[in-house]
PDB file of N, CA and C in Angstrom:
ATOM      1  N   MET A   1      89.951 118.833 110.667  1.00  0.00           N
ATOM      2  CA  MET A   1      90.939 117.884 111.119  1.00  0.00           C
ATOM      3  C   MET A   1      91.981 118.659 111.941  1.00  0.00           C
ATOM      4  N   THR A   2      92.263 118.161 113.104  1.00  0.00           N
ATOM      5  CA  THR A   2      93.199 118.844 113.994  1.00  0.00           C
ATOM      6  C   THR A   2      94.642 118.443 113.675  1.00  0.00           C
ATOM      7  N   GLY A   3      95.570 119.177 114.267  1.00  0.00           N
ATOM      8  CA  GLY A   3      96.976 118.876 114.066  1.00  0.00           C
ATOM      9  C   GLY A   3      97.355 117.518 114.601  1.00  0.00           C
ATOM     10  N   GLY A   4      96.731 117.124 115.712  1.00  0.00           N
ATOM     11  CA  GLY A   4      97.013 115.810 116.285  1.00  0.00           C
ATOM     12  C   GLY A   4      96.589 114.680 115.367  1.00  0.00           C
ATOM     13  N   GLU A   5      95.445 114.851 114.710  1.00  0.00           N
ATOM     14  CA  GLU A   5      94.982 113.819 113.777  1.00  0.00           C
ATOM     15  C   GLU A   5      95.912 113.702 112.575  1.00  0.00           C
ATOM     16  N   VAL A   6      96.404 114.842 112.109  1.00  0.00           N
ATOM     17  CA  VAL A   6      97.334 114.827 110.984  1.00  0.00           C
ATOM     18  C   VAL A   6      98.624 114.104 111.385  1.00  0.00           C
ATOM     19  N   LEU A   7      99.113 114.377 112.589  1.00  0.00           N
ATOM     20  CA  LEU A   7     100.313 113.694 113.063  1.00  0.00           C
ATOM     21  C   LEU A   7     100.074 112.198 113.235  1.00  0.00           C
ATOM     22  N   ASP A   8      98.882 111.815 113.670  1.00  0.00           N
ATOM     23  CA  ASP A   8      98.557 110.389 113.784  1.00  0.00           C
ATOM     24  C   ASP A   8      98.570 109.707 112.422  1.00  0.00           C
ATOM     25  N   ILE A   9      98.019 110.378 111.420  1.00  0.00           N
ATOM     26  CA  ILE A   9      98.018 109.811 110.064  1.00  0.00           C
ATOM     27  C   ILE A   9      99.446 109.686 109.552  1.00  0.00           C
ATOM     28  N   ALA A  10     100.264 110.713 109.792  1.00  0.00           N
ATOM     29  CA  ALA A  10     101.653 110.672 109.334  1.00  0.00           C
ATOM     30  C   ALA A  10     102.427 109.570 110.054  1.00  0.00           C
ATOM     31  N   ARG A  11     102.206 109.428 111.360  1.00  0.00           N
ATOM     32  CA  ARG A  11     102.885 108.381 112.126  1.00  0.00           C
ATOM     33  C   ARG A  11     102.483 107.003 111.620  1.00  0.00           C
ATOM     34  N   GLU A  12     101.205 106.830 111.374  1.00  0.00           N
ATOM     35  CA  GLU A  12     100.729 105.551 110.851  1.00  0.00           C
ATOM     36  C   GLU A  12     101.289 105.279 109.453  1.00  0.00           C
ATOM     37  N   GLY A  13     101.435 106.330 108.657  1.00  0.00           N
ATOM     38  CA  GLY A  13     102.031 106.174 107.326  1.00  0.00           C
ATOM     39  C   GLY A  13     103.479 105.742 107.389  1.00  0.00           C
ATOM     40  N   VAL A  14     104.223 106.316 108.340  1.00  0.00           N
ATOM     41  CA  VAL A  14     105.628 105.929 108.495  1.00  0.00           C
ATOM     42  C   VAL A  14     105.725 104.474 108.937  1.00  0.00           C
ATOM     43  N   TRP A  15     104.882 104.065 109.889  1.00  0.00           N
ATOM     44  CA  TRP A  15     104.913 102.668 110.337  1.00  0.00           C
ATOM     45  C   TRP A  15     104.508 101.713 109.212  1.00  0.00           C
ATOM     46  N   THR A  16     103.540 102.111 108.403  1.00  0.00           N
ATOM     47  CA  THR A  16     103.145 101.282 107.263  1.00  0.00           C
ATOM     48  C   THR A  16     104.303 101.137 106.285  1.00  0.00           C
ATOM     49  N   MET A  17     105.006 102.239 106.042  1.00  0.00           N
ATOM     50  CA  MET A  17     106.156 102.189 105.139  1.00  0.00           C
ATOM     51  C   MET A  17     107.238 101.266 105.688  1.00  0.00           C
ATOM     52  N   ILE A  18     107.492 101.327 106.991  1.00  0.00           N
ATOM     53  CA  ILE A  18     108.508 100.467 107.601  1.00  0.00           C
ATOM     54  C   ILE A  18     108.103  99.001 107.486  1.00  0.00           C
ATOM     55  N   LEU A  19     106.826  98.706 107.745  1.00  0.00           N
ATOM     56  CA  LEU A  19     106.362  97.324 107.663  1.00  0.00           C
ATOM     57  C   LEU A  19     106.376  96.788 106.234  1.00  0.00           C
ATOM     58  N   VAL A  20     106.087  97.654 105.269  1.00  0.00           N
ATOM     59  CA  VAL A  20     106.062  97.213 103.873  1.00  0.00           C
ATOM     60  C   VAL A  20     107.482  97.016 103.338  1.00  0.00           C
ATOM     61  N   ALA A  21     108.382  97.921 103.670  1.00  0.00           N
ATOM     62  CA  ALA A  21     109.745  97.847 103.139  1.00  0.00           C
ATOM     63  C   ALA A  21     110.652  96.943 103.976  1.00  0.00           C
ATOM     64  N   GLY A  22     110.254  96.644 105.199  1.00  0.00           N
ATOM     65  CA  GLY A  22     111.104  95.891 106.119  1.00  0.00           C
ATOM     66  C   GLY A  22     111.583  94.542 105.624  1.00  0.00           C
ATOM     67  N   PRO A  23     110.696  93.683 105.130  1.00  0.00           N
ATOM     68  CA  PRO A  23     111.158  92.354 104.701  1.00  0.00           C
ATOM     69  C   PRO A  23     112.235  92.400 103.607  1.00  0.00           C
ATOM     70  N   ALA A  24     112.047  93.242 102.607  1.00  0.00           N
ATOM     71  CA  ALA A  24     113.037  93.325 101.533  1.00  0.00           C
ATOM     72  C   ALA A  24     114.353  93.890 102.051  1.00  0.00           C
ATOM     73  N   MET A  25     114.277  94.867 102.928  1.00  0.00           N
ATOM     74  CA  MET A  25     115.498  95.461 103.477  1.00  0.00           C
ATOM     75  C   MET A  25     116.253  94.448 104.347  1.00  0.00           C
ATOM     76  N   LEU A  26     115.523  93.690 105.143  1.00  0.00           N
ATOM     77  CA  LEU A  26     116.175  92.694 105.999  1.00  0.00           C
ATOM     78  C   LEU A  26     116.823  91.578 105.179  1.00  0.00           C
ATOM     79  N   VAL A  27     116.144  91.141 104.136  1.00  0.00           N
ATOM     80  CA  VAL A  27     116.727  90.101 103.283  1.00  0.00           C
ATOM     81  C   VAL A  27     117.976  90.632 102.593  1.00  0.00           C
ATOM     82  N   GLY A  28     117.925  91.868 102.112  1.00  0.00           N
ATOM     83  CA  GLY A  28     119.109  92.466 101.496  1.00  0.00           C
ATOM     84  C   GLY A  28     120.259  92.571 102.476  1.00  0.00           C
ATOM     85  N   LEU A  29     119.952  92.925 103.716  1.00  0.00           N
ATOM     86  CA  LEU A  29     120.984  93.031 104.748  1.00  0.00           C
ATOM     87  C   LEU A  29     121.611  91.670 105.048  1.00  0.00           C
ATOM     88  N   VAL A  30     120.766  90.662 105.232  1.00  0.00           N
ATOM     89  CA  VAL A  30     121.273  89.323 105.567  1.00  0.00           C
ATOM     90  C   VAL A  30     122.113  88.759 104.419  1.00  0.00           C
ATOM     91  N   VAL A  31     121.626  88.882 103.201  1.00  0.00           N
ATOM     92  CA  VAL A  31     122.381  88.371 102.054  1.00  0.00           C
ATOM     93  C   VAL A  31     123.694  89.135 101.910  1.00  0.00           C
ATOM     94  N   GLY A  32     123.679  90.436 102.122  1.00  0.00           N
ATOM     95  CA  GLY A  32     124.899  91.226 102.041  1.00  0.00           C
ATOM     96  C   GLY A  32     125.932  90.813 103.076  1.00  0.00           C
ATOM     97  N   VAL A  33     125.476  90.560 104.306  1.00  0.00           N
ATOM     98  CA  VAL A  33     126.402  90.138 105.364  1.00  0.00           C
ATOM     99  C   VAL A  33     126.973  88.759 105.062  1.00  0.00           C
ATOM    100  N   ILE A  34     126.132  87.860 104.593  1.00  0.00           N
ATOM    101  CA  ILE A  34     126.613  86.509 104.260  1.00  0.00           C
ATOM    102  C   ILE A  34     127.642  86.562 103.143  1.00  0.00           C
ATOM    103  N   ILE A  35     127.387  87.347 102.118  1.00  0.00           N
ATOM    104  CA  ILE A  35     128.333  87.450 101.008  1.00  0.00           C
ATOM    105  C   ILE A  35     129.616  88.142 101.460  1.00  0.00           C
ATOM    106  N   ALA A  36     129.492  89.145 102.321  1.00  0.00           N
ATOM    107  CA  ALA A  36     130.692  89.814 102.838  1.00  0.00           C
ATOM    108  C   ALA A  36     131.542  88.852 103.658  1.00  0.00           C
ATOM    109  N   LEU A  37     130.892  88.014 104.468  1.00  0.00           N
ATOM    110  CA  LEU A  37     131.649  87.009 105.216  1.00  0.00           C
ATOM    111  C   LEU A  37     132.326  86.010 104.283  1.00  0.00           C
ATOM    112  N   PHE A  38     131.607  85.585 103.255  1.00  0.00           N
ATOM    113  CA  PHE A  38     132.180  84.666 102.273  1.00  0.00           C
ATOM    114  C   PHE A  38     133.389  85.292 101.580  1.00  0.00           C
ATOM    115  N   GLN A  39     133.262  86.562 101.210  1.00  0.00           N
ATOM    116  CA  GLN A  39     134.370  87.248 100.556  1.00  0.00           C
ATOM    117  C   GLN A  39     135.559  87.410 101.498  1.00  0.00           C
ATOM    118  N   ALA A  40     135.283  87.682 102.765  1.00  0.00           N
ATOM    119  CA  ALA A  40     136.370  87.848 103.724  1.00  0.00           C
ATOM    120  C   ALA A  40     137.076  86.522 103.983  1.00  0.00           C
ATOM    121  N   LEU A  41     136.322  85.440 104.027  1.00  0.00           N
ATOM    122  CA  LEU A  41     136.925  84.139 104.297  1.00  0.00           C
ATOM    123  C   LEU A  41     137.731  83.609 103.118  1.00  0.00           C
ATOM    124  N   THR A  42     137.241  83.857 101.913  1.00  0.00           N
ATOM    125  CA  THR A  42     137.915  83.323 100.734  1.00  0.00           C
ATOM    126  C   THR A  42     138.840  84.342 100.070  1.00  0.00           C
ATOM    127  N   GLN A  43     138.819  85.557 100.508  1.00  0.00           N
ATOM    128  CA  GLN A  43     139.611  86.660  99.953  1.00  0.00           C
ATOM    129  C   GLN A  43     139.311  86.897  98.478  1.00  0.00           C
ATOM    130  N   ILE A  44     138.077  86.623  98.100  1.00  0.00           N
ATOM    131  CA  ILE A  44     137.613  86.956  96.744  1.00  0.00           C
ATOM    132  C   ILE A  44     137.001  88.349  96.839  1.00  0.00           C
ATOM    133  N   GLN A  45     137.582  89.313  96.171  1.00  0.00           N
ATOM    134  CA  GLN A  45     137.113  90.691  96.265  1.00  0.00           C
ATOM    135  C   GLN A  45     136.467  91.149  94.958  1.00  0.00           C
ATOM    136  N   GLU A  46     135.593  90.348  94.443  1.00  0.00           N
ATOM    137  CA  GLU A  46     134.874  90.677  93.215  1.00  0.00           C
ATOM    138  C   GLU A  46     133.672  91.544  93.571  1.00  0.00           C
ATOM    139  N   MET A  47     133.594  92.744  93.006  1.00  0.00           N
ATOM    140  CA  MET A  47     132.518  93.682  93.350  1.00  0.00           C
ATOM    141  C   MET A  47     131.149  93.205  92.845  1.00  0.00           C
ATOM    142  N   THR A  48     131.110  92.563  91.702  1.00  0.00           N
ATOM    143  CA  THR A  48     129.824  92.148  91.146  1.00  0.00           C
ATOM    144  C   THR A  48     129.259  90.930  91.859  1.00  0.00           C
ATOM    145  N   LEU A  49     130.050  90.253  92.674  1.00  0.00           N
ATOM    146  CA  LEU A  49     129.567  89.087  93.403  1.00  0.00           C
ATOM    147  C   LEU A  49     128.471  89.460  94.392  1.00  0.00           C
ATOM    148  N   VAL A  50     128.465  90.673  94.865  1.00  0.00           N
ATOM    149  CA  VAL A  50     127.481  91.104  95.848  1.00  0.00           C
ATOM    150  C   VAL A  50     126.138  91.389  95.198  1.00  0.00           C
ATOM    151  N   PHE A  51     126.140  91.987  94.022  1.00  0.00           N
ATOM    152  CA  PHE A  51     124.920  92.524  93.449  1.00  0.00           C
ATOM    153  C   PHE A  51     123.930  91.471  92.965  1.00  0.00           C
ATOM    154  N   VAL A  52     124.381  90.475  92.246  1.00  0.00           N
ATOM    155  CA  VAL A  52     123.466  89.499  91.646  1.00  0.00           C
ATOM    156  C   VAL A  52     122.692  88.704  92.711  1.00  0.00           C
ATOM    157  N   PRO A  53     123.342  88.111  93.711  1.00  0.00           N
ATOM    158  CA  PRO A  53     122.559  87.391  94.722  1.00  0.00           C
ATOM    159  C   PRO A  53     121.627  88.311  95.519  1.00  0.00           C
ATOM    160  N   LYS A  54     122.087  89.530  95.781  1.00  0.00           N
ATOM    161  CA  LYS A  54     121.260  90.471  96.537  1.00  0.00           C
ATOM    162  C   LYS A  54     120.016  90.859  95.741  1.00  0.00           C
ATOM    163  N   ILE A  55     120.180  91.148  94.464  1.00  0.00           N
ATOM    164  CA  ILE A  55     119.045  91.514  93.616  1.00  0.00           C
ATOM    165  C   ILE A  55     118.070  90.351  93.505  1.00  0.00           C
ATOM    166  N   LEU A  56     118.580  89.140  93.306  1.00  0.00           N
ATOM    167  CA  LEU A  56     117.699  87.972  93.210  1.00  0.00           C
ATOM    168  C   LEU A  56     116.950  87.722  94.521  1.00  0.00           C
ATOM    169  N   ALA A  57     117.642  87.838  95.646  1.00  0.00           N
ATOM    170  CA  ALA A  57     117.000  87.601  96.940  1.00  0.00           C
ATOM    171  C   ALA A  57     115.922  88.644  97.215  1.00  0.00           C
ATOM    172  N   ILE A  58     116.203  89.890  96.907  1.00  0.00           N
ATOM    173  CA  ILE A  58     115.213  90.948  97.140  1.00  0.00           C
ATOM    174  C   ILE A  58     114.027  90.779  96.195  1.00  0.00           C
ATOM    175  N   PHE A  59     114.285  90.416  94.948  1.00  0.00           N
ATOM    176  CA  PHE A  59     113.202  90.207  93.988  1.00  0.00           C
ATOM    177  C   PHE A  59     112.288  89.067  94.434  1.00  0.00           C
ATOM    178  N   ILE A  60     112.871  87.968  94.874  1.00  0.00           N
ATOM    179  CA  ILE A  60     112.068  86.831  95.352  1.00  0.00           C
ATOM    180  C   ILE A  60     111.276  87.225  96.601  1.00  0.00           C
ATOM    181  N   THR A  61     111.900  87.981  97.490  1.00  0.00           N
ATOM    182  CA  THR A  61     111.205  88.446  98.688  1.00  0.00           C
ATOM    183  C   THR A  61     110.033  89.342  98.319  1.00  0.00           C
ATOM    184  N   LEU A  62     110.227  90.230  97.363  1.00  0.00           N
ATOM    185  CA  LEU A  62     109.126  91.094  96.925  1.00  0.00           C
ATOM    186  C   LEU A  62     107.987  90.285  96.322  1.00  0.00           C
ATOM    187  N   LEU A  63     108.312  89.259  95.551  1.00  0.00           N
ATOM    188  CA  LEU A  63     107.260  88.414  94.980  1.00  0.00           C
ATOM    189  C   LEU A  63     106.475  87.674  96.067  1.00  0.00           C
ATOM    190  N   VAL A  64     107.191  87.190  97.081  1.00  0.00           N
ATOM    191  CA  VAL A  64     106.534  86.433  98.144  1.00  0.00           C
ATOM    192  C   VAL A  64     105.695  87.341  99.036  1.00  0.00           C
ATOM    193  N   THR A  65     106.195  88.533  99.331  1.00  0.00           N
ATOM    194  CA  THR A  65     105.496  89.422 100.272  1.00  0.00           C
ATOM    195  C   THR A  65     104.559  90.415  99.589  1.00  0.00           C
ATOM    196  N   MET A  66     104.393  90.324  98.281  1.00  0.00           N
ATOM    197  CA  MET A  66     103.531  91.264  97.568  1.00  0.00           C
ATOM    198  C   MET A  66     102.082  91.276  98.080  1.00  0.00           C
ATOM    199  N   PRO A  67     101.463  90.134  98.382  1.00  0.00           N
ATOM    200  CA  PRO A  67     100.098  90.204  98.925  1.00  0.00           C
ATOM    201  C   PRO A  67     100.037  90.941 100.269  1.00  0.00           C
ATOM    202  N   PHE A  68     101.008  90.702 101.128  1.00  0.00           N
ATOM    203  CA  PHE A  68     101.070  91.398 102.410  1.00  0.00           C
ATOM    204  C   PHE A  68     101.236  92.897 102.205  1.00  0.00           C
ATOM    205  N   MET A  69     102.128  93.272 101.292  1.00  0.00           N
ATOM    206  CA  MET A  69     102.361  94.687 101.021  1.00  0.00           C
ATOM    207  C   MET A  69     101.099  95.361 100.486  1.00  0.00           C
ATOM    208  N   GLY A  70     100.454  94.716  99.551  1.00  0.00           N
ATOM    209  CA  GLY A  70      99.230  95.272  98.990  1.00  0.00           C
ATOM    210  C   GLY A  70      98.139  95.419 100.026  1.00  0.00           C
ATOM    211  N   GLN A  71      98.008  94.434 100.895  1.00  0.00           N
ATOM    212  CA  GLN A  71      96.995  94.479 101.943  1.00  0.00           C
ATOM    213  C   GLN A  71      97.279  95.619 102.923  1.00  0.00           C
ATOM    214  N   MET A  72      98.533  95.779 103.333  1.00  0.00           N
ATOM    215  CA  MET A  72      98.896  96.850 104.264  1.00  0.00           C
ATOM    216  C   MET A  72      98.637  98.227 103.652  1.00  0.00           C
ATOM    217  N   LEU A  73      99.062  98.415 102.402  1.00  0.00           N
ATOM    218  CA  LEU A  73      98.878  99.712 101.757  1.00  0.00           C
ATOM    219  C   LEU A  73      97.407 100.006 101.486  1.00  0.00           C
ATOM    220  N   ALA A  74      96.639  98.993 101.113  1.00  0.00           N
ATOM    221  CA  ALA A  74      95.211  99.201 100.875  1.00  0.00           C
ATOM    222  C   ALA A  74      94.489  99.534 102.168  1.00  0.00           C
ATOM    223  N   ALA A  75      94.849  98.886 103.263  1.00  0.00           N
ATOM    224  CA  ALA A  75      94.215  99.184 104.552  1.00  0.00           C
ATOM    225  C   ALA A  75      94.548 100.599 105.001  1.00  0.00           C
ATOM    226  N   TYR A  76      95.779 101.021 104.820  1.00  0.00           N
ATOM    227  CA  TYR A  76      96.158 102.390 105.194  1.00  0.00           C
ATOM    228  C   TYR A  76      95.411 103.404 104.336  1.00  0.00           C
ATOM    229  N   MET A  77      95.353 103.161 103.046  1.00  0.00           N
ATOM    230  CA  MET A  77      94.658 104.091 102.161  1.00  0.00           C
ATOM    231  C   MET A  77      93.167 104.142 102.459  1.00  0.00           C
ATOM    232  N   ALA A  78      92.575 103.005 102.839  1.00  0.00           N
ATOM    233  CA  ALA A  78      91.155 103.006 103.210  1.00  0.00           C
ATOM    234  C   ALA A  78      90.927 103.852 104.458  1.00  0.00           C
ATOM    235  N   ARG A  79      91.831 103.748 105.450  1.00  0.00           N
ATOM    236  CA  ARG A  79      91.696 104.575 106.658  1.00  0.00           C
ATOM    237  C   ARG A  79      91.846 106.059 106.341  1.00  0.00           C
ATOM    238  N   VAL A  80      92.791 106.396 105.481  1.00  0.00           N
ATOM    239  CA  VAL A  80      92.975 107.799 105.095  1.00  0.00           C
ATOM    240  C   VAL A  80      91.746 108.291 104.332  1.00  0.00           C
ATOM    241  N   GLY A  81      91.231 107.469 103.442  1.00  0.00           N
ATOM    242  CA  GLY A  81      90.021 107.846 102.702  1.00  0.00           C
ATOM    243  C   GLY A  81      88.825 108.055 103.613  1.00  0.00           C
ATOM    244  N   GLU A  82      88.671 107.183 104.610  1.00  0.00           N
ATOM    245  CA  GLU A  82      87.574 107.355 105.568  1.00  0.00           C
ATOM    246  C   GLU A  82      87.721 108.653 106.346  1.00  0.00           C
ATOM    247  N   LEU A  83      88.938 108.997 106.733  1.00  0.00           N
ATOM    248  CA  LEU A  83      89.158 110.244 107.463  1.00  0.00           C
ATOM    249  C   LEU A  83      88.882 111.461 106.582  1.00  0.00           C
ATOM    250  N   ILE A  84      89.225 111.376 105.300  1.00  0.00           N
ATOM    251  CA  ILE A  84      88.953 112.494 104.396  1.00  0.00           C
ATOM    252  C   ILE A  84      87.456 112.674 104.206  1.00  0.00           C
ATOM    253  N   LEU A  85      86.731 111.564 104.057  1.00  0.00           N
ATOM    254  CA  LEU A  85      85.290 111.657 103.866  1.00  0.00           C
ATOM    255  C   LEU A  85      84.568 112.096 105.148  1.00  0.00           C
ATOM    256  N   ALA A  86      85.108 111.752 106.307  1.00  0.00           N
ATOM    257  CA  ALA A  86      84.462 112.101 107.569  1.00  0.00           C
ATOM    258  C   ALA A  86      84.707 113.545 107.967  1.00  0.00           C
ATOM    259  N   THR A  87      85.690 114.202 107.366  1.00  0.00           N
ATOM    260  CA  THR A  87      86.012 115.575 107.723  1.00  0.00           C
ATOM    261  C   THR A  87      84.967 116.506 107.123  1.00  0.00           C
ATOM    262  N   PRO A  88      84.369 117.362 107.982  1.00  0.00           N
ATOM    263  CA  PRO A  88      83.374 118.295 107.455  1.00  0.00           C
ATOM    264  C   PRO A  88      84.042 119.376 106.600  1.00  0.00           C
ATOM    265  N   ALA A  89      83.316 119.807 105.592  1.00  0.00           N
ATOM    266  CA  ALA A  89      83.868 120.794 104.662  1.00  0.00           C
ATOM    267  C   ALA A  89      83.900 122.188 105.219  1.00  0.00           C
TER     268      ALA A  89
END
Protein backbone atom coordinates (compact mmCIF):
# COMPACT_ATOMS: atom_id res chain seq x y z
CA MET A 1 0.00 0.00 0.00
CA THR A 2 1.47 3.33 -1.02
CA GLY A 3 1.49 6.56 0.94
CA GLY A 4 -1.11 8.05 -1.37
CA GLU A 5 -3.52 5.20 -0.70
CA VAL A 6 -3.07 5.62 3.03
CA LEU A 7 -3.81 9.34 2.72
CA ASP A 8 -6.91 8.55 0.65
CA ILE A 9 -8.17 6.20 3.35
CA ALA A 10 -7.49 8.80 6.04
CA ARG A 11 -9.22 11.53 4.01
CA GLU A 12 -12.22 9.31 3.46
CA GLY A 13 -12.28 8.49 7.18
CA VAL A 14 -12.33 12.17 8.09
CA TRP A 15 -15.18 12.85 5.65
CA THR A 16 -17.11 9.87 7.03
CA MET A 17 -16.63 11.21 10.55
CA ILE A 18 -17.88 14.66 9.49
CA LEU A 19 -20.94 13.17 7.78
CA VAL A 20 -21.76 10.94 10.74
CA ALA A 21 -21.30 13.60 13.43
CA GLY A 22 -22.67 16.50 11.36
CA PRO A 23 -26.41 16.14 11.99
CA ALA A 24 -26.06 15.97 15.78
CA MET A 25 -23.61 18.87 15.83
CA LEU A 26 -25.86 21.03 13.65
CA VAL A 27 -28.92 20.32 15.78
CA GLY A 28 -26.95 21.16 18.92
CA LEU A 29 -25.80 24.41 17.32
CA VAL A 30 -29.28 25.43 16.19
CA VAL A 31 -30.89 24.61 19.54
CA GLY A 32 -28.10 26.46 21.36
CA VAL A 33 -28.55 29.58 19.23
CA ILE A 34 -32.33 29.53 19.67
CA ILE A 35 -32.03 29.18 23.44
CA ALA A 36 -29.37 31.91 23.57
CA LEU A 37 -31.69 34.24 21.65
CA PHE A 38 -34.55 33.36 24.00
CA GLN A 39 -32.35 34.06 27.01
CA ALA A 40 -31.18 37.36 25.55
CA LEU A 41 -34.71 38.49 24.77
CA THR A 42 -36.19 37.53 28.12
CA GLN A 43 -33.07 38.23 30.22
CA ILE A 44 -33.37 34.83 31.86
CA GLN A 45 -29.79 33.80 32.60
CA GLU A 46 -30.36 30.30 33.93
CA MET A 47 -27.37 28.10 33.04
CA THR A 48 -29.27 24.81 33.18
CA LEU A 49 -31.85 26.07 30.68
CA VAL A 50 -29.40 25.40 27.86
CA PHE A 51 -28.44 21.84 28.71
CA VAL A 52 -31.74 19.95 28.94
CA PRO A 53 -33.23 21.00 25.56
CA LYS A 54 -29.85 20.56 23.86
CA ILE A 55 -29.36 17.06 25.27
CA LEU A 56 -32.91 16.04 24.31
CA ALA A 57 -32.57 17.45 20.79
CA ILE A 58 -29.23 15.73 20.21
CA PHE A 59 -30.54 12.44 21.63
CA ILE A 60 -33.59 12.52 19.34
CA THR A 61 -31.38 13.39 16.37
CA LEU A 62 -29.09 10.45 17.15
CA LEU A 63 -32.08 8.11 17.34
CA VAL A 64 -33.42 9.35 14.00
CA THR A 65 -30.08 9.31 12.17
CA MET A 66 -28.77 6.05 13.66
CA PRO A 67 -29.53 3.96 10.53
CA PHE A 68 -27.71 6.50 8.35
CA MET A 69 -24.75 6.55 10.72
CA GLY A 70 -24.54 2.78 10.83
CA GLN A 71 -24.75 2.52 7.06
CA MET A 72 -22.00 5.12 6.53
CA LEU A 73 -19.66 3.51 9.07
CA ALA A 74 -20.30 0.00 7.75
CA ALA A 75 -19.62 1.09 4.17
CA TYR A 76 -16.36 2.77 5.19
CA MET A 77 -15.25 -0.26 7.18
CA ALA A 78 -16.10 -2.56 4.27
CA ARG A 79 -13.91 -0.44 1.95
CA VAL A 80 -11.05 -0.49 4.45
CA GLY A 81 -11.43 -4.25 4.86
CA GLU A 82 -11.36 -4.76 1.10
CA LEU A 83 -8.18 -2.70 0.84
CA ILE A 84 -6.54 -4.70 3.64
CA LEU A 85 -7.44 -8.00 1.99
CA ALA A 86 -6.31 -6.79 -1.45
CA THR A 87 -2.87 -5.73 -0.19
CA PRO A 88 -0.24 -8.36 -0.94
CA ALA A 89 1.69 -9.65 2.05
